[in-house]
Amino acid sequence: MNDPGYEDSLKYIHGLERFGSVFGLDNISRLLGSIDDPHRAFRSVHIAGTNGKGSVATMIACILKEAGYSVGKYTSPHLVSFTERITVNEEEITEEEVAALTDHIRGRADRKCPGGFYTFFDFTTAMAFEYFRRKKVDIAVVETGLGGRLDSTNVIEPLVSIVTNVAFDHMKELGGTLTKIAGEKAGIIKKGVPVITGAGRRPFRVIEKVAGENASAVYALGRDFSFKKSGRKCMSYRGLTRVLNDITINLNGDHQLSNAALALCAVDVISGLGYDVPEDRMRAALSSVVWQGRLEMVREKPLVILDGAHNASGVRALRRFLRTHYRDRRKVLVFGVMRDKQYRRMLESMSDCIDLAILTQPRTDRALDAAAMKTVTRNSVVTTDTRSALKQARRFAGDKDLILVTGSFYTIGEAKQAINEIF
């Protein structure tokens, strides 16, 4: 990071974190209005859900890009660089473009809405939408930040809405029951806009009810479309308009097959709206899709896996992967988590497949003190930062062992930055 304009922009944008999370669409609507509503210049796909949003977004973006469309993608959080959040055709926004857009949006907002304030996510969302307008994208794939109904991204009118799944996470903000959480995520449903979901029975009833109130068609995984595993990272798909056999998905974990089915169903719907996507382009895109920080293997001796599982549901999927593919390896866990997460359930879920847990805390005020987790794990070491945790893991792990880094995107982001120096 050498561009002084970019550094100044990041200081300003991160400075907006002092306002915390302000739910509702008033602030983002004013901010977008000050730059002439860029979100009205492109078509979009909107994705909410507890887990899998980024994977589904990336699969859809890659498929549409492979078919020849110009595709924007907006996801969060980033792992190493802020620029990861905003891409066109899977190419990150440049530091110079971040600086220019920050100046433009900040200047217009200050002139048109003096005295107004915007959160970090409001401003970043406005930046993504203005960037997509300037790049004249054909379609943008947009992931919610938190929830859906009151999320800053919920100003868009998409071609299709997706609720990947509903599980317990962010209960303070979204509610303490699956029904309440589902209601917040179903808030992205717009009148007449088709909805695709992989949600379980109770959340699905909420989604179906909201969709009915909006006269929106609902396509449910397992009912209207389905997949069947046919090999490691391989599946067959039965969709709304086509059947695809033996599709290879270039991402680890059986849960990515479910995510791929959601993405393929979305492409089915989009194809019916004029965005034609040939079968061979779907296959080519999914066989080469890359999405960092999701069961990402970054070293071989010892094997080092980074995974962004940050709630109990995500950790269960991670555990299934380890027990299926690496049951016989000795495993060292590097775990750092946020204070508001169900860290006890997460660690207890991993306890029977981990030989040693190295507890740590990433550099954020939201992080849980590593020492607070000591009583949850039977064989553990406490460290003060991610780099120290990785060094400890390297000392304990032999070349045939496995080191797993998980618990938070903050933790694996710091690990990605440090890993080349330590291994």
Protein backbone atom coordinates (compact mmCIF):
# COMPACT_ATOMS: atom_id res chain seq x y z
CA MET A 1 0.00 0.00 0.00
CA ASN A 2 2.05 2.94 -1.29
CA ASP A 3 -0.54 5.36 -2.66
CA PRO A 4 -1.01 8.18 -0.08
CA GLY A 5 -4.48 8.94 -1.45
CA TYR A 6 -5.52 5.35 -0.81
CA GLU A 7 -4.12 5.43 2.73
CA ASP A 8 -6.03 8.64 3.45
CA SER A 9 -9.19 7.08 2.02
CA LEU A 10 -8.89 4.02 4.25
CA LYS A 11 -8.38 6.24 7.30
CA TYR A 12 -11.56 8.11 6.46
CA ILE A 13 -13.60 4.97 5.66
CA HIS A 14 -12.43 3.05 8.73
CA GLY A 15 -13.02 6.18 10.79
CA LEU A 16 -16.72 5.77 10.02
CA GLU A 17 -16.67 2.62 12.16
CA ARG A 18 -17.10 4.93 15.14
CA PHE A 19 -20.79 5.11 14.20
CA GLY A 20 -21.08 1.33 14.55
CA SER A 21 -23.93 -0.45 12.78
CA VAL A 22 -26.97 1.74 12.11
CA PHE A 23 -29.72 -0.43 10.65
CA GLY A 24 -32.19 1.05 8.22
CA LEU A 25 -32.22 2.48 4.71
CA ASP A 26 -32.49 6.22 5.45
CA ASN A 27 -28.76 6.93 5.64
CA ILE A 28 -27.80 4.86 2.59
CA SER A 29 -30.70 6.34 0.58
CA ARG A 30 -29.51 9.88 1.35
CA LEU A 31 -25.93 8.97 0.53
CA LEU A 32 -26.87 7.33 -2.78
CA GLY A 33 -29.15 10.25 -3.58
CA SER A 34 -26.23 12.64 -3.21
CA ILE A 35 -24.43 10.78 -6.04
CA ASP A 36 -27.52 10.41 -8.25
CA ASP A 37 -28.55 6.86 -7.28
CA PRO A 38 -25.96 4.70 -9.04
CA HIS A 39 -27.76 1.49 -8.03
CA ARG A 40 -30.47 2.26 -10.58
CA ALA A 41 -27.97 2.00 -13.45
CA PHE A 42 -27.47 -1.79 -13.43
CA ARG A 43 -29.36 -5.04 -12.87
CA SER A 44 -28.51 -7.18 -9.87
CA VAL A 45 -28.74 -10.41 -7.88
CA HIS A 46 -29.21 -10.03 -4.11
CA ILE A 47 -27.97 -12.66 -1.63
CA ALA A 48 -28.70 -13.03 2.09
CA GLY A 49 -28.18 -15.98 4.43
CA THR A 50 -26.21 -17.13 7.46
CA ASN A 51 -23.48 -19.01 5.57
CA GLY A 52 -22.43 -19.43 1.96
CA LYS A 53 -23.32 -15.96 0.67
CA GLY A 54 -19.84 -15.19 -0.63
CA SER A 55 -19.41 -18.62 -2.22
CA VAL A 56 -22.76 -18.40 -4.02
CA ALA A 57 -22.02 -14.82 -5.10
CA THR A 58 -18.64 -15.83 -6.51
CA MET A 59 -20.04 -18.84 -8.36
CA ILE A 60 -22.78 -16.74 -9.98
CA ALA A 61 -20.32 -13.99 -10.88
CA CYS A 62 -17.88 -16.47 -12.42
CA ILE A 63 -20.61 -18.19 -14.44
CA LEU A 64 -21.96 -14.91 -15.84
CA LYS A 65 -18.43 -13.65 -16.59
CA GLU A 66 -17.63 -16.91 -18.39
CA ALA A 67 -20.77 -16.38 -20.49
CA GLY A 68 -19.44 -13.00 -21.64
CA TYR A 69 -21.22 -10.55 -19.34
CA SER A 70 -19.58 -7.74 -17.40
CA VAL A 71 -20.20 -8.64 -13.75
CA GLY A 72 -19.77 -6.63 -10.58
CA LYS A 73 -19.51 -8.35 -7.21
CA TYR A 74 -19.80 -6.84 -3.74
CA THR A 75 -18.93 -9.03 -0.73
CA SER A 76 -17.69 -8.65 2.84
CA PRO A 77 -15.59 -8.82 4.87
CA HIS A 78 -12.20 -8.71 3.19
CA LEU A 79 -9.34 -10.92 4.35
CA VAL A 80 -6.21 -8.90 3.58
CA SER A 81 -7.03 -5.91 1.37
CA PHE A 82 -10.07 -3.63 1.35
CA THR A 83 -10.06 -3.89 -2.45
CA GLU A 84 -11.24 -7.52 -2.22
CA ARG A 85 -14.76 -6.29 -1.40
CA ILE A 86 -15.48 -4.77 -4.82
CA THR A 87 -14.69 -6.53 -8.09
CA VAL A 88 -15.63 -6.40 -11.76
CA ASN A 89 -15.12 -9.64 -13.65
CA GLU A 90 -13.30 -10.95 -10.55
CA GLU A 91 -10.69 -8.16 -10.80
CA GLU A 92 -10.41 -6.10 -7.62
CA ILE A 93 -10.97 -2.37 -7.63
CA THR A 94 -7.60 -0.58 -7.63
CA GLU A 95 -6.25 1.54 -4.79
CA GLU A 96 -6.35 4.60 -7.07
CA GLU A 97 -10.01 3.97 -7.86
CA VAL A 98 -10.82 3.63 -4.14
CA ALA A 99 -9.15 6.99 -3.51
CA ALA A 100 -10.96 8.71 -6.39
CA LEU A 101 -14.36 7.31 -5.41
CA THR A 102 -13.85 8.26 -1.75
CA ASP A 103 -13.13 11.86 -2.71
CA HIS A 104 -16.10 11.96 -5.10
CA ILE A 105 -18.67 10.47 -2.73
CA ARG A 106 -17.41 12.34 0.32
CA GLY A 107 -17.43 15.66 -1.53
CA ARG A 108 -20.93 15.20 -2.96
CA ALA A 109 -22.34 13.99 0.36
CA ASP A 110 -20.84 16.90 2.29
CA ARG A 111 -22.33 19.41 -0.18
CA LYS A 112 -25.78 17.88 -0.54
CA CYS A 113 -26.28 16.50 2.98
CA PRO A 114 -24.25 18.69 5.35
CA GLY A 115 -24.18 17.35 8.88
CA GLY A 116 -25.19 13.85 7.84
CA PHE A 117 -23.30 10.77 8.97
CA TYR A 118 -22.76 7.38 7.35
CA THR A 119 -21.47 4.08 8.62
CA PHE A 120 -18.50 2.20 7.22
CA PHE A 121 -20.85 -0.20 5.44
CA ASP A 122 -23.08 2.59 4.08
CA PHE A 123 -20.09 4.31 2.49
CA THR A 124 -18.56 1.09 1.15
CA THR A 125 -21.90 0.08 -0.38
CA ALA A 126 -22.23 3.46 -2.10
CA MET A 127 -18.67 3.09 -3.40
CA ALA A 128 -19.42 -0.34 -4.86
CA PHE A 129 -22.58 0.86 -6.59
CA GLU A 130 -20.90 3.96 -8.05
CA TYR A 131 -18.00 1.81 -9.26
CA PHE A 132 -20.37 -0.60 -10.96
CA ARG A 133 -22.11 2.29 -12.70
CA ARG A 134 -18.81 3.72 -13.92
CA LYS A 135 -17.72 0.31 -15.20
CA LYS A 136 -21.10 -0.12 -16.93
CA VAL A 137 -21.58 -3.65 -15.62
CA ASP A 138 -24.36 -5.74 -17.12
CA ILE A 139 -25.24 -7.19 -13.74
CA ALA A 140 -23.98 -6.96 -10.15
CA VAL A 141 -24.02 -9.75 -7.58
CA VAL A 142 -24.55 -8.15 -4.18
CA GLU A 143 -24.16 -9.83 -0.78
CA THR A 144 -25.86 -8.41 2.31
CA GLY A 145 -23.64 -7.36 5.18
CA LEU A 146 -25.91 -8.36 8.08
CA GLY A 147 -29.46 -9.65 7.99
CA GLY A 148 -31.33 -8.25 5.03
CA ARG A 149 -34.40 -6.17 5.78
CA LEU A 150 -32.47 -3.22 7.20
CA ASP A 151 -29.15 -3.89 5.47
CA SER A 152 -27.65 -1.06 3.41
CA THR A 153 -27.69 -3.20 0.27
CA ASN A 154 -31.48 -3.58 0.44
CA VAL A 155 -32.08 -0.53 -1.76
CA ILE A 156 -31.57 -2.56 -4.93
CA GLU A 157 -34.36 -4.07 -7.05
CA PRO A 158 -32.81 -7.37 -8.15
CA LEU A 159 -33.66 -9.84 -10.88
CA VAL A 160 -33.61 -12.61 -8.28
CA SER A 161 -33.20 -12.82 -4.50
CA ILE A 162 -31.40 -15.66 -2.71
CA VAL A 163 -31.54 -16.68 0.95
CA THR A 164 -28.85 -19.36 1.17
CA ASN A 165 -29.77 -20.73 4.60
CA VAL A 166 -30.78 -19.62 8.08
CA ALA A 167 -28.89 -20.56 11.26
CA PHE A 168 -28.03 -18.95 14.58
CA ASP A 169 -25.69 -15.97 14.21
CA HIS A 170 -25.85 -12.25 15.10
CA MET A 171 -28.75 -13.00 17.45
CA LYS A 172 -28.41 -9.65 19.23
CA GLU A 173 -29.19 -7.82 15.99
CA LEU A 174 -31.45 -10.33 14.22
CA GLY A 175 -33.31 -12.11 17.03
CA GLY A 176 -32.92 -15.20 19.18
CA THR A 177 -35.01 -17.64 17.16
CA LEU A 178 -34.66 -19.06 13.66
CA THR A 179 -38.08 -17.62 12.83
CA LYS A 180 -37.00 -14.09 13.72
CA ILE A 181 -33.66 -14.44 11.92
CA ALA A 182 -35.46 -15.78 8.84
CA GLY A 183 -37.82 -12.81 8.92
CA GLU A 184 -34.91 -10.39 8.79
CA LYS A 185 -33.23 -12.23 5.93
CA ALA A 186 -36.51 -12.56 4.03
CA GLY A 187 -36.68 -8.78 4.14
CA ILE A 188 -34.69 -8.69 0.87
CA ILE A 189 -37.68 -10.17 -1.00
CA LYS A 190 -39.21 -7.64 -3.41
CA LYS A 191 -42.60 -7.65 -5.09
CA GLY A 192 -42.69 -10.06 -8.01
CA VAL A 193 -38.99 -10.94 -7.74
CA PRO A 194 -38.29 -14.72 -7.65
CA VAL A 195 -36.72 -16.12 -4.48
CA ILE A 196 -34.29 -19.06 -4.27
CA THR A 197 -33.48 -20.68 -0.94
CA GLY A 198 -31.80 -23.61 0.75
CA ALA A 199 -33.31 -22.81 4.15
CA GLY A 200 -34.56 -25.55 6.46
CA ARG A 201 -38.19 -26.23 7.31
CA ARG A 202 -38.95 -23.58 9.94
CA PRO A 203 -37.09 -20.71 8.24
CA PHE A 204 -38.53 -21.78 4.88
CA ARG A 205 -42.08 -21.27 6.16
CA VAL A 206 -41.21 -17.66 6.98
CA ILE A 207 -39.56 -17.10 3.61
CA GLU A 208 -42.51 -18.67 1.80
CA LYS A 209 -44.95 -16.46 3.71
CA VAL A 210 -43.06 -13.24 2.90
CA ALA A 211 -42.72 -14.31 -0.73
CA GLY A 212 -46.47 -14.96 -0.91
CA GLU A 213 -47.18 -11.50 0.45
CA ASN A 214 -45.03 -10.09 -2.35
CA ALA A 215 -46.43 -12.33 -5.11
CA SER A 216 -42.91 -13.73 -5.59
CA ALA A 217 -42.22 -17.24 -6.86
CA VAL A 218 -40.20 -19.42 -4.46
CA TYR A 219 -37.74 -22.09 -5.60
CA ALA A 220 -36.64 -24.38 -2.75
CA LEU A 221 -33.59 -26.64 -2.74
CA GLY A 222 -34.74 -30.25 -2.53
CA ARG A 223 -38.23 -29.45 -3.82
CA ASP A 224 -37.93 -27.40 -7.02
CA PHE A 225 -34.28 -28.09 -7.78
CA SER A 226 -31.74 -30.51 -6.34
CA PHE A 227 -28.23 -31.92 -6.49
CA LYS A 228 -26.65 -35.30 -5.89
CA LYS A 229 -23.02 -35.83 -5.01
CA SER A 230 -21.31 -37.98 -7.64
CA GLY A 231 -17.70 -37.77 -6.43
CA ARG A 232 -15.35 -35.55 -4.47
CA LYS A 233 -16.06 -31.98 -5.60
CA CYS A 234 -18.47 -33.37 -8.20
CA MET A 235 -22.26 -33.48 -8.47
CA SER A 236 -25.26 -33.80 -10.74
CA TYR A 237 -27.84 -31.01 -10.80
CA ARG A 238 -31.56 -31.13 -11.58
CA GLY A 239 -32.76 -27.59 -12.18
CA LEU A 240 -35.77 -25.61 -13.26
CA THR A 241 -34.98 -25.90 -16.96
CA ARG A 242 -32.03 -28.28 -17.32
CA VAL A 243 -30.25 -31.31 -15.93
CA LEU A 244 -26.45 -31.23 -15.65
CA ASN A 245 -24.53 -34.41 -14.84
CA ASP A 246 -21.04 -34.69 -13.33
CA ILE A 247 -20.29 -31.02 -12.72
CA THR A 248 -16.94 -30.33 -11.05
CA ILE A 249 -16.85 -27.64 -8.34
CA ASN A 250 -13.36 -26.27 -7.65
CA LEU A 251 -14.05 -25.65 -3.95
CA ASN A 252 -13.60 -28.02 -1.01
CA GLY A 253 -16.43 -29.33 1.16
CA ASP A 254 -19.77 -30.94 0.41
CA HIS A 255 -21.53 -27.75 1.52
CA GLN A 256 -20.11 -26.13 -1.62
CA LEU A 257 -22.18 -28.56 -3.70
CA SER A 258 -25.29 -27.14 -2.05
CA ASN A 259 -24.01 -23.61 -2.73
CA ALA A 260 -23.37 -24.53 -6.35
CA ALA A 261 -26.95 -25.77 -6.71
CA LEU A 262 -28.23 -22.42 -5.43
CA ALA A 263 -25.97 -20.59 -7.89
CA LEU A 264 -27.09 -22.77 -10.81
CA CYS A 265 -30.75 -22.21 -9.95
CA ALA A 266 -30.13 -18.46 -9.90
CA VAL A 267 -28.52 -18.68 -13.33
CA ASP A 268 -31.54 -20.70 -14.51
CA VAL A 269 -33.83 -17.85 -13.44
CA ILE A 270 -31.57 -15.15 -14.89
CA SER A 271 -31.36 -17.05 -18.19
CA GLY A 272 -35.12 -16.85 -18.43
CA LEU A 273 -34.88 -13.06 -18.10
CA GLY A 274 -32.64 -12.61 -21.12
CA TYR A 275 -29.18 -13.43 -19.79
CA ASP A 276 -28.47 -16.57 -21.77
CA VAL A 277 -25.79 -18.86 -20.27
CA PRO A 278 -24.77 -21.99 -22.24
CA GLU A 279 -24.14 -25.22 -20.31
CA ASP A 280 -20.47 -25.40 -21.25
CA ARG A 281 -19.89 -21.94 -19.72
CA MET A 282 -21.47 -23.07 -16.46
CA ARG A 283 -19.23 -26.10 -16.32
CA ALA A 284 -16.10 -24.14 -17.19
CA ALA A 285 -16.78 -21.50 -14.54
CA LEU A 286 -17.53 -23.90 -11.68
CA SER A 287 -14.55 -26.13 -12.49
CA SER A 288 -12.19 -23.16 -12.05
CA VAL A 289 -13.93 -21.01 -9.42
CA VAL A 290 -11.65 -19.64 -6.67
CA TRP A 291 -12.83 -18.18 -3.37
CA GLN A 292 -10.14 -17.60 -0.77
CA GLY A 293 -10.53 -18.39 2.90
CA ARG A 294 -13.03 -21.21 2.36
CA LEU A 295 -11.30 -24.52 3.12
CA GLU A 296 -8.32 -22.95 1.38
CA MET A 297 -5.18 -25.09 1.41
CA VAL A 298 -2.18 -22.77 1.57
CA ARG A 299 0.65 -25.16 2.55
CA GLU A 300 1.35 -28.89 2.12
CA LYS A 301 4.03 -29.87 4.69
CA PRO A 302 2.39 -29.56 7.12
CA LEU A 303 -0.97 -29.14 5.44
CA VAL A 304 -2.38 -25.73 6.41
CA ILE A 305 -6.08 -25.04 5.84
CA LEU A 306 -7.73 -21.65 6.31
CA ASP A 307 -11.50 -21.58 6.73
CA GLY A 308 -13.78 -18.68 7.59
CA ALA A 309 -16.24 -20.70 9.70
CA HIS A 310 -17.43 -18.12 12.24
CA ASN A 311 -20.58 -19.64 13.71
CA ALA A 312 -21.74 -23.02 14.97
CA SER A 313 -23.33 -23.99 11.65
CA GLY A 314 -20.16 -23.20 9.71
CA VAL A 315 -18.00 -25.15 12.17
CA ARG A 316 -20.23 -28.22 11.80
CA ALA A 317 -19.66 -28.18 8.03
CA LEU A 318 -15.92 -27.81 8.64
CA ARG A 319 -15.93 -30.74 11.09
CA ARG A 320 -17.68 -32.98 8.56
CA PHE A 321 -15.01 -32.14 5.99
CA LEU A 322 -12.16 -32.99 8.39
CA ARG A 323 -13.73 -36.26 9.50
CA THR A 324 -14.40 -37.30 5.90
CA HIS A 325 -11.01 -36.45 4.41
CA TYR A 326 -8.43 -36.16 7.22
CA ARG A 327 -9.58 -38.49 9.99
CA ASP A 328 -6.12 -40.08 10.34
CA ARG A 329 -4.03 -36.90 10.49
CA ARG A 330 -2.96 -35.25 13.72
CA LYS A 331 -4.66 -31.86 13.82
CA VAL A 332 -3.63 -28.57 15.39
CA LEU A 333 -6.32 -25.90 15.62
CA VAL A 334 -5.57 -22.15 15.57
CA PHE A 335 -8.75 -20.47 16.78
CA GLY A 336 -9.63 -16.80 17.19
CA VAL A 337 -13.22 -15.60 17.42
CA MET A 338 -15.39 -12.52 18.04
CA ARG A 339 -17.00 -11.90 21.43
CA ASP A 340 -20.55 -12.12 20.10
CA LYS A 341 -20.15 -15.62 18.65
CA GLN A 342 -21.16 -18.97 20.15
CA TYR A 343 -17.54 -19.85 20.78
CA ARG A 344 -18.29 -22.60 23.30
CA ARG A 345 -20.50 -24.47 20.85
CA MET A 346 -17.94 -23.94 18.09
CA LEU A 347 -15.04 -25.33 20.14
CA GLU A 348 -17.08 -28.18 21.61
CA SER A 349 -18.13 -29.20 18.10
CA MET A 350 -14.46 -29.46 17.07
CA SER A 351 -13.18 -31.10 20.26
CA ASP A 352 -13.35 -34.73 19.15
CA CYS A 353 -11.38 -34.21 15.94
CA ILE A 354 -8.64 -31.82 17.19
CA ASP A 355 -5.48 -32.94 19.02
CA LEU A 356 -4.32 -29.51 20.16
CA ALA A 357 -6.04 -26.11 20.20
CA ILE A 358 -4.00 -22.91 20.06
CA LEU A 359 -6.28 -20.10 21.19
CA THR A 360 -5.64 -16.58 19.97
CA GLN A 361 -7.25 -13.24 19.24
CA PRO A 362 -7.06 -11.14 16.06
CA ARG A 363 -6.36 -7.40 16.15
CA THR A 364 -9.87 -6.00 16.52
CA ASP A 365 -11.83 -4.60 19.44
CA ARG A 366 -14.52 -7.19 18.74
CA ALA A 367 -12.19 -10.15 19.42
CA LEU A 368 -12.74 -12.44 22.40
CA ASP A 369 -9.86 -12.65 24.86
CA ALA A 370 -8.11 -15.93 24.12
CA ALA A 371 -7.79 -16.76 27.82
CA ALA A 372 -11.59 -16.80 28.13
CA MET A 373 -11.68 -19.95 25.96
CA LYS A 374 -9.16 -21.92 28.00
CA THR A 375 -11.75 -23.79 30.07
CA VAL A 376 -13.65 -24.98 26.97
CA THR A 377 -10.85 -27.08 25.48
CA ARG A 378 -9.09 -30.01 27.15
CA ASN A 379 -5.69 -29.57 25.46
CA SER A 380 -4.94 -25.97 24.61
CA VAL A 381 -2.35 -23.20 24.53
CA VAL A 382 -3.20 -19.49 24.87
CA THR A 383 -1.46 -16.88 22.70
CA THR A 384 -1.90 -13.13 22.33
CA ASP A 385 -1.98 -12.76 18.54
CA THR A 386 -2.38 -14.72 15.32
CA ARG A 387 1.29 -14.61 14.37
CA SER A 388 2.32 -16.12 17.74
CA ALA A 389 -0.38 -18.77 17.35
CA LEU A 390 0.96 -19.79 13.93
CA LYS A 391 4.49 -20.02 15.29
CA GLN A 392 3.27 -22.27 18.10
CA ALA A 393 1.35 -24.42 15.60
CA ARG A 394 4.44 -24.79 13.43
CA ARG A 395 6.47 -26.00 16.41
CA PHE A 396 3.87 -28.62 17.34
CA ALA A 397 3.00 -29.86 13.86
CA GLY A 398 5.11 -32.28 11.85
CA ASP A 399 5.19 -32.41 8.07
CA LYS A 400 2.43 -35.05 7.98
CA ASP A 401 0.11 -33.16 10.35
CA LEU A 402 -2.66 -30.64 9.62
CA ILE A 403 -2.94 -27.08 10.90
CA LEU A 404 -6.43 -25.57 10.73
CA VAL A 405 -6.95 -21.81 11.14
CA THR A 406 -10.57 -20.80 11.74
CA GLY A 407 -13.07 -18.99 13.96
CA SER A 408 -13.19 -15.63 12.20
CA PHE A 409 -12.40 -14.00 8.87
CA TYR A 410 -10.21 -11.60 10.85
CA THR A 411 -8.13 -14.53 12.12
CA ILE A 412 -7.63 -16.14 8.72
CA GLY A 413 -6.94 -12.77 7.12
CA GLU A 414 -4.09 -12.17 9.56
CA ALA A 415 -2.88 -15.73 9.00
CA LYS A 416 -2.72 -15.17 5.22
CA GLN A 417 -0.49 -12.16 5.78
CA ALA A 418 1.88 -13.94 8.17
CA ILE A 419 2.06 -17.46 6.83
CA ASN A 420 4.85 -17.02 4.25
CA GLU A 421 7.18 -15.65 6.91
CA ILE A 422 6.55 -18.50 9.34
CA PHE A 423 6.42 -21.62 7.16
